[in-house]
Amino acid sequence: MALGLPLLNPYLNKTASFSNGVNFAVASATTLDPSFYSAKGIIIPPLPALASQLSYFKTYLSSICSTPTDCADKLKGSLFFVGEFGYNDIYYPYTQGRSVEEIQTTFVPLVNQLIINSTRELIQLGVSQVVVPGNFPLGCFPTFLSVARRNRSTAYDDFGCAESLNDLTSYENNDLQRALNSLRMEFPNTVILYADYYNAFLSLLRQATTFGFDTEKLLTPCCGDDGVYSYLLPTFCGGVGVPVCSNPNVRIHWDGVHLTQEAYRRMSEIIIRNLGINYIQ
């Protein structure tokens, strides 16, 4: 919306129009395949992960072009977003008792490697403009805070965010940016941009008063009860009988997992303004 473009229809809706582009994302999916987590004893929904979503794209591509040259011509004028990925790859292990240290050493490198490999594959197919977003500061999200507060040794910053989780996602983002720099050298004629979701989100906290957010409830979801870290009610937010705050526009968090539309709007303005700066650096 901030780019002045229409929303994209999901690929799995076979009756939808894709004249403006296609959305291959799957809600709650991980980057790594569900079988990877199953082998490690982590329970996740059996949803199409990044490799499957990339396969969807290839299937769609074969329906709109017939030769590699024809496909590359169609892709040349398109803008691709790869992600953001990694949120759920941290969420599932962390909420099932895995430590920040294990997630950082065991899962994050594989997540970033798959993001980079998938981006490379898109470029080799002819994509010339791609945006790869980083992860949010998950230590500021109610779903993660609800788990973090069970650990009495958890340290918090001035906003009440869990420092260890923010350090984890900062590590993940820095590792991803280093890999993107290498990818730029590999493909010097391709525009590869990094979208800094991490610092854009922190700007919402730092400039909450300027943006009109309620500074007393920066980490409290609009949907649910008024508990500090309320989240994931039995009925989805928006369902009948689920309590909602009177003015979502003054809240950053919607349901503990997703942000409010106002928060996303403010973030999009910050991200778009800084995309070129990240590329130059």
C-alpha atoms as a PDB file:
ATOM      1  CA  MET A   1       0.000   0.000   0.000  1.00  0.00           C
ATOM      2  CA  ALA A   2       2.873   2.371   0.796  1.00  0.00           C
ATOM      3  CA  LEU A   3       4.265   1.695  -2.689  1.00  0.00           C
ATOM      4  CA  GLY A   4       0.896   2.484  -4.228  1.00  0.00           C
ATOM      5  CA  LEU A   5       0.480  -1.099  -5.392  1.00  0.00           C
ATOM      6  CA  PRO A   6      -2.508  -3.423  -4.960  1.00  0.00           C
ATOM      7  CA  LEU A   7      -2.336  -6.307  -2.500  1.00  0.00           C
ATOM      8  CA  LEU A   8      -1.254  -9.616  -4.046  1.00  0.00           C
ATOM      9  CA  ASN A   9      -3.562 -12.596  -4.217  1.00  0.00           C
ATOM     10  CA  PRO A  10      -2.347 -15.914  -2.763  1.00  0.00           C
ATOM     11  CA  TYR A  11      -1.083 -18.475  -5.258  1.00  0.00           C
ATOM     12  CA  LEU A  12      -3.106 -21.313  -3.711  1.00  0.00           C
ATOM     13  CA  ASN A  13      -6.336 -19.469  -4.583  1.00  0.00           C
ATOM     14  CA  LYS A  14      -6.615 -20.897  -8.087  1.00  0.00           C
ATOM     15  CA  THR A  15      -9.548 -18.641  -9.028  1.00  0.00           C
ATOM     16  CA  ALA A  16      -7.710 -15.413  -8.145  1.00  0.00           C
ATOM     17  CA  SER A  17      -6.292 -12.904 -10.590  1.00  0.00           C
ATOM     18  CA  PHE A  18      -2.493 -12.629 -10.670  1.00  0.00           C
ATOM     19  CA  SER A  19      -2.314  -9.707 -13.075  1.00  0.00           C
ATOM     20  CA  ASN A  20      -0.603  -7.563 -10.415  1.00  0.00           C
ATOM     21  CA  GLY A  21       1.681 -10.261  -9.000  1.00  0.00           C
ATOM     22  CA  VAL A  22       1.468 -13.355  -6.818  1.00  0.00           C
ATOM     23  CA  ASN A  23       1.860 -14.082  -3.106  1.00  0.00           C
ATOM     24  CA  PHE A  24       3.477 -17.487  -2.469  1.00  0.00           C
ATOM     25  CA  ALA A  25       3.672 -17.064   1.321  1.00  0.00           C
ATOM     26  CA  VAL A  26       2.038 -19.537   3.714  1.00  0.00           C
ATOM     27  CA  ALA A  27       0.907 -18.379   7.149  1.00  0.00           C
ATOM     28  CA  SER A  28       2.860 -19.890  10.083  1.00  0.00           C
ATOM     29  CA  ALA A  29       5.285 -21.699   7.758  1.00  0.00           C
ATOM     30  CA  THR A  30       8.957 -22.135   8.573  1.00  0.00           C
ATOM     31  CA  THR A  31      11.994 -21.588   6.389  1.00  0.00           C
ATOM     32  CA  LEU A  32      13.347 -25.078   7.003  1.00  0.00           C
ATOM     33  CA  ASP A  33      11.270 -28.114   6.103  1.00  0.00           C
ATOM     34  CA  PRO A  34       8.912 -29.501   8.790  1.00  0.00           C
ATOM     35  CA  SER A  35      10.770 -32.833   8.619  1.00  0.00           C
ATOM     36  CA  PHE A  36      13.907 -31.080   9.899  1.00  0.00           C
ATOM     37  CA  TYR A  37      12.111 -29.979  13.061  1.00  0.00           C
ATOM     38  CA  SER A  38      10.311 -33.283  13.456  1.00  0.00           C
ATOM     39  CA  ALA A  39      13.674 -35.064  13.521  1.00  0.00           C
ATOM     40  CA  LYS A  40      14.713 -32.772  16.373  1.00  0.00           C
ATOM     41  CA  GLY A  41      11.538 -33.384  18.356  1.00  0.00           C
ATOM     42  CA  ILE A  42      10.023 -29.963  17.674  1.00  0.00           C
ATOM     43  CA  ILE A  43       6.326 -29.943  16.810  1.00  0.00           C
ATOM     44  CA  ILE A  44       5.294 -27.638  13.977  1.00  0.00           C
ATOM     45  CA  PRO A  45       2.337 -27.560  11.572  1.00  0.00           C
ATOM     46  CA  PRO A  46       2.950 -29.537   8.342  1.00  0.00           C
ATOM     47  CA  LEU A  47       2.980 -26.412   6.167  1.00  0.00           C
ATOM     48  CA  PRO A  48       4.826 -25.673   2.905  1.00  0.00           C
ATOM     49  CA  ALA A  49       8.214 -24.248   3.873  1.00  0.00           C
ATOM     50  CA  LEU A  50      10.493 -22.043   1.765  1.00  0.00           C
ATOM     51  CA  ALA A  51      11.498 -24.817  -0.664  1.00  0.00           C
ATOM     52  CA  SER A  52       7.842 -25.604  -1.371  1.00  0.00           C
ATOM     53  CA  GLN A  53       7.007 -21.940  -1.863  1.00  0.00           C
ATOM     54  CA  LEU A  54       9.872 -21.641  -4.332  1.00  0.00           C
ATOM     55  CA  SER A  55       8.495 -24.695  -6.121  1.00  0.00           C
ATOM     56  CA  TYR A  56       5.090 -22.973  -6.331  1.00  0.00           C
ATOM     57  CA  PHE A  57       6.805 -20.021  -7.979  1.00  0.00           C
ATOM     58  CA  LYS A  58       8.523 -22.222 -10.569  1.00  0.00           C
ATOM     59  CA  THR A  59       5.223 -23.923 -11.385  1.00  0.00           C
ATOM     60  CA  TYR A  60       3.556 -20.553 -11.818  1.00  0.00           C
ATOM     61  CA  LEU A  61       6.444 -19.274 -13.933  1.00  0.00           C
ATOM     62  CA  SER A  62       6.110 -22.214 -16.308  1.00  0.00           C
ATOM     63  CA  SER A  63       2.474 -21.227 -16.861  1.00  0.00           C
ATOM     64  CA  ILE A  64       3.294 -17.683 -18.039  1.00  0.00           C
ATOM     65  CA  CYS A  65       6.425 -18.288 -20.145  1.00  0.00           C
ATOM     66  CA  SER A  66       7.833 -21.127 -22.240  1.00  0.00           C
ATOM     67  CA  THR A  67      11.595 -20.632 -22.597  1.00  0.00           C
ATOM     68  CA  PRO A  68      14.338 -19.476 -20.201  1.00  0.00           C
ATOM     69  CA  THR A  69      14.811 -16.305 -22.264  1.00  0.00           C
ATOM     70  CA  ASP A  70      11.090 -15.572 -22.304  1.00  0.00           C
ATOM     71  CA  CYS A  71      10.870 -16.160 -18.544  1.00  0.00           C
ATOM     72  CA  ALA A  72      13.876 -13.940 -17.836  1.00  0.00           C
ATOM     73  CA  ASP A  73      12.272 -11.157 -19.888  1.00  0.00           C
ATOM     74  CA  LYS A  74       9.090 -11.402 -17.831  1.00  0.00           C
ATOM     75  CA  LEU A  75      11.014 -11.391 -14.548  1.00  0.00           C
ATOM     76  CA  LYS A  76      13.290  -8.496 -15.489  1.00  0.00           C
ATOM     77  CA  GLY A  77      10.672  -5.851 -14.723  1.00  0.00           C
ATOM     78  CA  SER A  78       9.367  -7.468 -11.539  1.00  0.00           C
ATOM     79  CA  LEU A  79      10.110  -6.831  -7.866  1.00  0.00           C
ATOM     80  CA  PHE A  80      10.582  -9.854  -5.612  1.00  0.00           C
ATOM     81  CA  PHE A  81      10.366 -10.056  -1.820  1.00  0.00           C
ATOM     82  CA  VAL A  82      12.014 -13.105  -0.267  1.00  0.00           C
ATOM     83  CA  GLY A  83      10.709 -13.137   3.273  1.00  0.00           C
ATOM     84  CA  GLU A  84      10.717 -12.178   5.938  1.00  0.00           C
ATOM     85  CA  PHE A  85      11.796 -15.653   6.947  1.00  0.00           C
ATOM     86  CA  GLY A  86      13.081 -16.886  10.298  1.00  0.00           C
ATOM     87  CA  TYR A  87      10.327 -15.721  12.657  1.00  0.00           C
ATOM     88  CA  ASN A  88       8.674 -19.125  12.893  1.00  0.00           C
ATOM     89  CA  ASP A  89      12.011 -20.945  12.851  1.00  0.00           C
ATOM     90  CA  ILE A  90      12.732 -19.236  16.157  1.00  0.00           C
ATOM     91  CA  TYR A  91       9.172 -19.225  17.493  1.00  0.00           C
ATOM     92  CA  TYR A  92       8.545 -22.977  17.447  1.00  0.00           C
ATOM     93  CA  PRO A  93      11.815 -24.088  19.099  1.00  0.00           C
ATOM     94  CA  TYR A  94      11.816 -21.245  21.633  1.00  0.00           C
ATOM     95  CA  THR A  95       8.230 -21.762  22.780  1.00  0.00           C
ATOM     96  CA  GLN A  96       8.980 -25.492  23.121  1.00  0.00           C
ATOM     97  CA  GLY A  97      11.842 -24.949  25.528  1.00  0.00           C
ATOM     98  CA  ARG A  98      14.897 -24.749  23.277  1.00  0.00           C
ATOM     99  CA  SER A  99      17.527 -22.269  24.414  1.00  0.00           C
ATOM    100  CA  VAL A 100      18.538 -19.106  22.601  1.00  0.00           C
ATOM    101  CA  GLU A 101      22.057 -20.525  22.307  1.00  0.00           C
ATOM    102  CA  GLU A 102      20.858 -23.721  20.598  1.00  0.00           C
ATOM    103  CA  ILE A 103      18.651 -21.782  18.183  1.00  0.00           C
ATOM    104  CA  GLN A 104      21.503 -19.437  17.267  1.00  0.00           C
ATOM    105  CA  THR A 105      24.024 -22.188  16.584  1.00  0.00           C
ATOM    106  CA  THR A 106      21.772 -24.931  15.198  1.00  0.00           C
ATOM    107  CA  PHE A 107      18.884 -23.284  13.349  1.00  0.00           C
ATOM    108  CA  VAL A 108      19.817 -19.722  12.341  1.00  0.00           C
ATOM    109  CA  PRO A 109      22.797 -20.596  10.059  1.00  0.00           C
ATOM    110  CA  LEU A 110      20.675 -23.120   8.152  1.00  0.00           C
ATOM    111  CA  VAL A 111      17.791 -20.647   7.843  1.00  0.00           C
ATOM    112  CA  ASN A 112      20.015 -17.941   6.369  1.00  0.00           C
ATOM    113  CA  GLN A 113      21.780 -20.387   4.084  1.00  0.00           C
ATOM    114  CA  LEU A 114      18.433 -21.465   2.626  1.00  0.00           C
ATOM    115  CA  ILE A 115      17.298 -17.853   2.191  1.00  0.00           C
ATOM    116  CA  ILE A 116      20.493 -17.037   0.287  1.00  0.00           C
ATOM    117  CA  ASN A 117      20.360 -20.197  -1.838  1.00  0.00           C
ATOM    118  CA  SER A 118      16.721 -19.513  -2.743  1.00  0.00           C
ATOM    119  CA  THR A 119      17.499 -15.904  -3.625  1.00  0.00           C
ATOM    120  CA  ARG A 120      20.390 -17.077  -5.809  1.00  0.00           C
ATOM    121  CA  GLU A 121      18.085 -19.493  -7.598  1.00  0.00           C
ATOM    122  CA  LEU A 122      15.602 -16.703  -8.323  1.00  0.00           C
ATOM    123  CA  ILE A 123      18.364 -14.513  -9.730  1.00  0.00           C
ATOM    124  CA  GLN A 124      19.590 -17.345 -11.942  1.00  0.00           C
ATOM    125  CA  LEU A 125      16.048 -17.611 -13.337  1.00  0.00           C
ATOM    126  CA  GLY A 126      16.186 -13.948 -14.343  1.00  0.00           C
ATOM    127  CA  VAL A 127      15.086 -11.908 -11.319  1.00  0.00           C
ATOM    128  CA  SER A 128      16.898  -8.564 -11.391  1.00  0.00           C
ATOM    129  CA  GLN A 129      15.385  -6.742  -8.399  1.00  0.00           C
ATOM    130  CA  VAL A 130      14.950  -8.453  -5.051  1.00  0.00           C
ATOM    131  CA  VAL A 131      14.323  -7.333  -1.471  1.00  0.00           C
ATOM    132  CA  VAL A 132      15.335  -9.651   1.368  1.00  0.00           C
ATOM    133  CA  PRO A 133      13.925  -8.525   4.743  1.00  0.00           C
ATOM    134  CA  GLY A 134      15.569  -9.248   8.065  1.00  0.00           C
ATOM    135  CA  ASN A 135      13.759 -10.409  11.178  1.00  0.00           C
ATOM    136  CA  PHE A 136      11.969  -8.330  13.819  1.00  0.00           C
ATOM    137  CA  PRO A 137      13.394  -7.768  17.326  1.00  0.00           C
ATOM    138  CA  LEU A 138      11.490 -10.757  18.678  1.00  0.00           C
ATOM    139  CA  GLY A 139      12.336  -9.891  22.276  1.00  0.00           C
ATOM    140  CA  CYS A 140       9.750  -7.110  21.961  1.00  0.00           C
ATOM    141  CA  PHE A 141       6.920  -9.407  20.830  1.00  0.00           C
ATOM    142  CA  PRO A 142       4.310 -10.538  23.399  1.00  0.00           C
ATOM    143  CA  THR A 143       4.368 -14.174  22.252  1.00  0.00           C
ATOM    144  CA  PHE A 144       8.077 -14.434  23.007  1.00  0.00           C
ATOM    145  CA  LEU A 145       7.885 -12.343  26.168  1.00  0.00           C
ATOM    146  CA  SER A 146       5.266 -14.702  27.580  1.00  0.00           C
ATOM    147  CA  VAL A 147       7.889 -17.467  27.442  1.00  0.00           C
ATOM    148  CA  ALA A 148      10.867 -15.311  28.432  1.00  0.00           C
ATOM    149  CA  ARG A 149       9.259 -14.137  31.664  1.00  0.00           C
ATOM    150  CA  ARG A 150       9.239 -17.728  32.973  1.00  0.00           C
ATOM    151  CA  ASN A 151      13.029 -17.513  33.128  1.00  0.00           C
ATOM    152  CA  ARG A 152      13.884 -15.342  36.112  1.00  0.00           C
ATOM    153  CA  SER A 153      17.380 -14.675  34.803  1.00  0.00           C
ATOM    154  CA  THR A 154      16.050 -12.967  31.655  1.00  0.00           C
ATOM    155  CA  ALA A 155      17.334  -9.389  31.292  1.00  0.00           C
ATOM    156  CA  TYR A 156      15.164  -6.658  29.796  1.00  0.00           C
ATOM    157  CA  ASP A 157      15.981  -3.347  28.134  1.00  0.00           C
ATOM    158  CA  ASP A 158      14.397   0.029  28.892  1.00  0.00           C
ATOM    159  CA  PHE A 159      11.322  -0.815  26.805  1.00  0.00           C
ATOM    160  CA  GLY A 160      10.797  -4.178  28.512  1.00  0.00           C
ATOM    161  CA  CYS A 161      12.109  -6.258  25.587  1.00  0.00           C
ATOM    162  CA  ALA A 162      14.017  -9.471  26.321  1.00  0.00           C
ATOM    163  CA  GLU A 163      17.658  -8.694  25.530  1.00  0.00           C
ATOM    164  CA  SER A 164      18.726 -12.281  24.757  1.00  0.00           C
ATOM    165  CA  LEU A 165      16.048 -12.653  22.072  1.00  0.00           C
ATOM    166  CA  ASN A 166      16.914  -9.320  20.517  1.00  0.00           C
ATOM    167  CA  ASP A 167      20.569 -10.309  20.526  1.00  0.00           C
ATOM    168  CA  LEU A 168      19.565 -13.525  18.750  1.00  0.00           C
ATOM    169  CA  THR A 169      17.640 -11.776  15.979  1.00  0.00           C
ATOM    170  CA  SER A 170      20.350  -9.118  15.684  1.00  0.00           C
ATOM    171  CA  TYR A 171      22.871 -11.927  15.159  1.00  0.00           C
ATOM    172  CA  GLU A 172      20.568 -13.527  12.591  1.00  0.00           C
ATOM    173  CA  ASN A 173      20.164 -10.245  10.692  1.00  0.00           C
ATOM    174  CA  ASN A 174      23.884  -9.430  10.705  1.00  0.00           C
ATOM    175  CA  ASP A 175      24.704 -12.899   9.401  1.00  0.00           C
ATOM    176  CA  LEU A 176      22.085 -12.500   6.659  1.00  0.00           C
ATOM    177  CA  GLN A 177      23.471  -9.111   5.614  1.00  0.00           C
ATOM    178  CA  ARG A 178      26.992 -10.507   5.326  1.00  0.00           C
ATOM    179  CA  ALA A 179      25.672 -13.260   3.085  1.00  0.00           C
ATOM    180  CA  LEU A 180      23.770 -10.730   0.966  1.00  0.00           C
ATOM    181  CA  ASN A 181      26.966  -8.742   0.473  1.00  0.00           C
ATOM    182  CA  SER A 182      28.595 -11.873  -0.931  1.00  0.00           C
ATOM    183  CA  LEU A 183      25.577 -12.444  -3.176  1.00  0.00           C
ATOM    184  CA  ARG A 184      25.911  -8.885  -4.533  1.00  0.00           C
ATOM    185  CA  MET A 185      29.498  -9.608  -5.542  1.00  0.00           C
ATOM    186  CA  GLU A 186      28.341 -12.819  -7.204  1.00  0.00           C
ATOM    187  CA  PHE A 187      25.626 -10.958  -9.146  1.00  0.00           C
ATOM    188  CA  PRO A 188      26.848  -7.353  -9.607  1.00  0.00           C
ATOM    189  CA  ASN A 189      24.121  -6.515 -12.144  1.00  0.00           C
ATOM    190  CA  THR A 190      21.273  -7.498  -9.820  1.00  0.00           C
ATOM    191  CA  VAL A 191      19.723  -5.080  -7.334  1.00  0.00           C
ATOM    192  CA  ILE A 192      19.678  -6.907  -3.981  1.00  0.00           C
ATOM    193  CA  LEU A 193      18.238  -4.842  -1.138  1.00  0.00           C
ATOM    194  CA  TYR A 194      18.009  -5.596   2.571  1.00  0.00           C
ATOM    195  CA  ALA A 195      14.839  -4.444   4.357  1.00  0.00           C
ATOM    196  CA  ASP A 196      15.694  -3.591   7.964  1.00  0.00           C
ATOM    197  CA  TYR A 197      12.595  -4.712   9.869  1.00  0.00           C
ATOM    198  CA  TYR A 198      14.602  -4.815  13.099  1.00  0.00           C
ATOM    199  CA  ASN A 199      15.489  -1.133  13.347  1.00  0.00           C
ATOM    200  CA  ALA A 200      12.257   0.007  11.729  1.00  0.00           C
ATOM    201  CA  PHE A 201      10.358  -1.691  14.544  1.00  0.00           C
ATOM    202  CA  LEU A 202      12.622  -0.221  17.228  1.00  0.00           C
ATOM    203  CA  SER A 203      11.898   3.211  15.728  1.00  0.00           C
ATOM    204  CA  LEU A 204       8.250   2.667  16.661  1.00  0.00           C
ATOM    205  CA  LEU A 205       9.264   2.261  20.296  1.00  0.00           C
ATOM    206  CA  ARG A 206      11.733   5.142  20.306  1.00  0.00           C
ATOM    207  CA  GLN A 207       9.343   7.542  18.558  1.00  0.00           C
ATOM    208  CA  ALA A 208       6.116   6.205  20.030  1.00  0.00           C
ATOM    209  CA  THR A 209       4.912   9.635  21.155  1.00  0.00           C
ATOM    210  CA  THR A 210       5.596  11.180  17.747  1.00  0.00           C
ATOM    211  CA  PHE A 211       3.721   8.375  16.011  1.00  0.00           C
ATOM    212  CA  GLY A 212       0.795   8.593  18.430  1.00  0.00           C
ATOM    213  CA  PHE A 213       1.230   5.210  20.107  1.00  0.00           C
ATOM    214  CA  ASP A 214       0.174   4.636  23.723  1.00  0.00           C
ATOM    215  CA  THR A 215       3.510   4.639  25.591  1.00  0.00           C
ATOM    216  CA  GLU A 216       1.944   2.744  28.517  1.00  0.00           C
ATOM    217  CA  LYS A 217       1.047  -0.227  26.311  1.00  0.00           C
ATOM    218  CA  LEU A 218       3.904  -0.521  23.818  1.00  0.00           C
ATOM    219  CA  LEU A 219       4.220  -4.269  24.407  1.00  0.00           C
ATOM    220  CA  THR A 220       0.539  -5.006  25.068  1.00  0.00           C
ATOM    221  CA  PRO A 221      -1.590  -6.462  22.248  1.00  0.00           C
ATOM    222  CA  CYS A 222      -4.797  -4.723  21.237  1.00  0.00           C
ATOM    223  CA  CYS A 223      -6.610  -8.021  20.849  1.00  0.00           C
ATOM    224  CA  GLY A 224      -7.166 -10.106  23.968  1.00  0.00           C
ATOM    225  CA  ASP A 225      -7.438  -9.183  27.599  1.00  0.00           C
ATOM    226  CA  ASP A 226      -5.440  -6.399  29.230  1.00  0.00           C
ATOM    227  CA  GLY A 227      -2.664  -8.639  30.488  1.00  0.00           C
ATOM    228  CA  VAL A 228       0.851  -7.459  29.768  1.00  0.00           C
ATOM    229  CA  TYR A 229       1.738 -10.423  27.570  1.00  0.00           C
ATOM    230  CA  SER A 230      -1.683 -11.728  26.526  1.00  0.00           C
ATOM    231  CA  TYR A 231      -1.690 -13.681  23.264  1.00  0.00           C
ATOM    232  CA  LEU A 232      -3.056 -16.644  21.314  1.00  0.00           C
ATOM    233  CA  LEU A 233      -6.578 -16.913  22.620  1.00  0.00           C
ATOM    234  CA  PRO A 234      -8.619 -20.030  21.793  1.00  0.00           C
ATOM    235  CA  THR A 235     -10.584 -17.936  19.279  1.00  0.00           C
ATOM    236  CA  PHE A 236      -8.693 -15.943  16.672  1.00  0.00           C
ATOM    237  CA  CYS A 237      -8.576 -12.194  16.986  1.00  0.00           C
ATOM    238  CA  GLY A 238     -11.498 -10.749  15.074  1.00  0.00           C
ATOM    239  CA  GLY A 239     -13.734 -13.628  16.140  1.00  0.00           C
ATOM    240  CA  VAL A 240     -16.992 -13.176  18.011  1.00  0.00           C
ATOM    241  CA  GLY A 241     -16.494 -12.491  21.704  1.00  0.00           C
ATOM    242  CA  VAL A 242     -12.751 -11.798  21.526  1.00  0.00           C
ATOM    243  CA  PRO A 243     -12.072  -8.502  23.337  1.00  0.00           C
ATOM    244  CA  VAL A 244     -10.357  -5.753  21.358  1.00  0.00           C
ATOM    245  CA  CYS A 245      -8.960  -2.411  22.491  1.00  0.00           C
ATOM    246  CA  SER A 246     -11.033   0.656  21.646  1.00  0.00           C
ATOM    247  CA  ASN A 247      -8.444   2.212  19.312  1.00  0.00           C
ATOM    248  CA  PRO A 248      -6.018  -0.136  17.501  1.00  0.00           C
ATOM    249  CA  ASN A 249      -4.247   2.849  15.919  1.00  0.00           C
ATOM    250  CA  VAL A 250      -2.559   3.713  19.226  1.00  0.00           C
ATOM    251  CA  ARG A 251      -1.175   0.191  19.683  1.00  0.00           C
ATOM    252  CA  ILE A 252       1.871  -1.383  18.044  1.00  0.00           C
ATOM    253  CA  HIS A 253       0.877  -5.019  18.637  1.00  0.00           C
ATOM    254  CA  TRP A 254      -2.369  -6.464  17.352  1.00  0.00           C
ATOM    255  CA  ASP A 255      -2.435 -10.028  18.711  1.00  0.00           C
ATOM    256  CA  GLY A 256       1.037 -10.695  20.084  1.00  0.00           C
ATOM    257  CA  VAL A 257       2.249 -12.191  16.796  1.00  0.00           C
ATOM    258  CA  HIS A 258       1.241  -9.557  14.245  1.00  0.00           C
ATOM    259  CA  LEU A 259       1.368  -5.780  14.432  1.00  0.00           C
ATOM    260  CA  THR A 260      -1.501  -3.338  13.948  1.00  0.00           C
ATOM    261  CA  GLN A 261      -2.090  -1.765  10.551  1.00  0.00           C
ATOM    262  CA  GLU A 262      -0.861   1.566  11.911  1.00  0.00           C
ATOM    263  CA  ALA A 263       2.382  -0.008  13.089  1.00  0.00           C
ATOM    264  CA  TYR A 264       2.925  -1.673   9.725  1.00  0.00           C
ATOM    265  CA  ARG A 265       2.179   1.624   7.966  1.00  0.00           C
ATOM    266  CA  ARG A 266       4.767   3.488  10.010  1.00  0.00           C
ATOM    267  CA  MET A 267       7.310   0.698   9.513  1.00  0.00           C
ATOM    268  CA  SER A 268       6.775   0.632   5.761  1.00  0.00           C
ATOM    269  CA  GLU A 269       7.495   4.349   5.518  1.00  0.00           C
ATOM    270  CA  ILE A 270      10.771   3.912   7.419  1.00  0.00           C
ATOM    271  CA  ILE A 271      11.833   0.825   5.445  1.00  0.00           C
ATOM    272  CA  ILE A 272      11.117   2.242   1.997  1.00  0.00           C
ATOM    273  CA  ARG A 273      12.936   5.458   2.866  1.00  0.00           C
ATOM    274  CA  ASN A 274      16.049   3.514   3.888  1.00  0.00           C
ATOM    275  CA  LEU A 275      16.189   0.755   1.262  1.00  0.00           C
ATOM    276  CA  GLY A 276      18.563   2.713  -0.986  1.00  0.00           C
ATOM    277  CA  ILE A 277      20.807   3.617   1.954  1.00  0.00           C
ATOM    278  CA  ASN A 278      21.195  -0.052   2.901  1.00  0.00           C
ATOM    279  CA  TYR A 279      22.059  -0.893  -0.708  1.00  0.00           C
ATOM    280  CA  ILE A 280      24.761   1.809  -0.952  1.00  0.00           C
ATOM    281  CA  GLN A 281      26.388   0.613   2.249  1.00  0.00           C
END
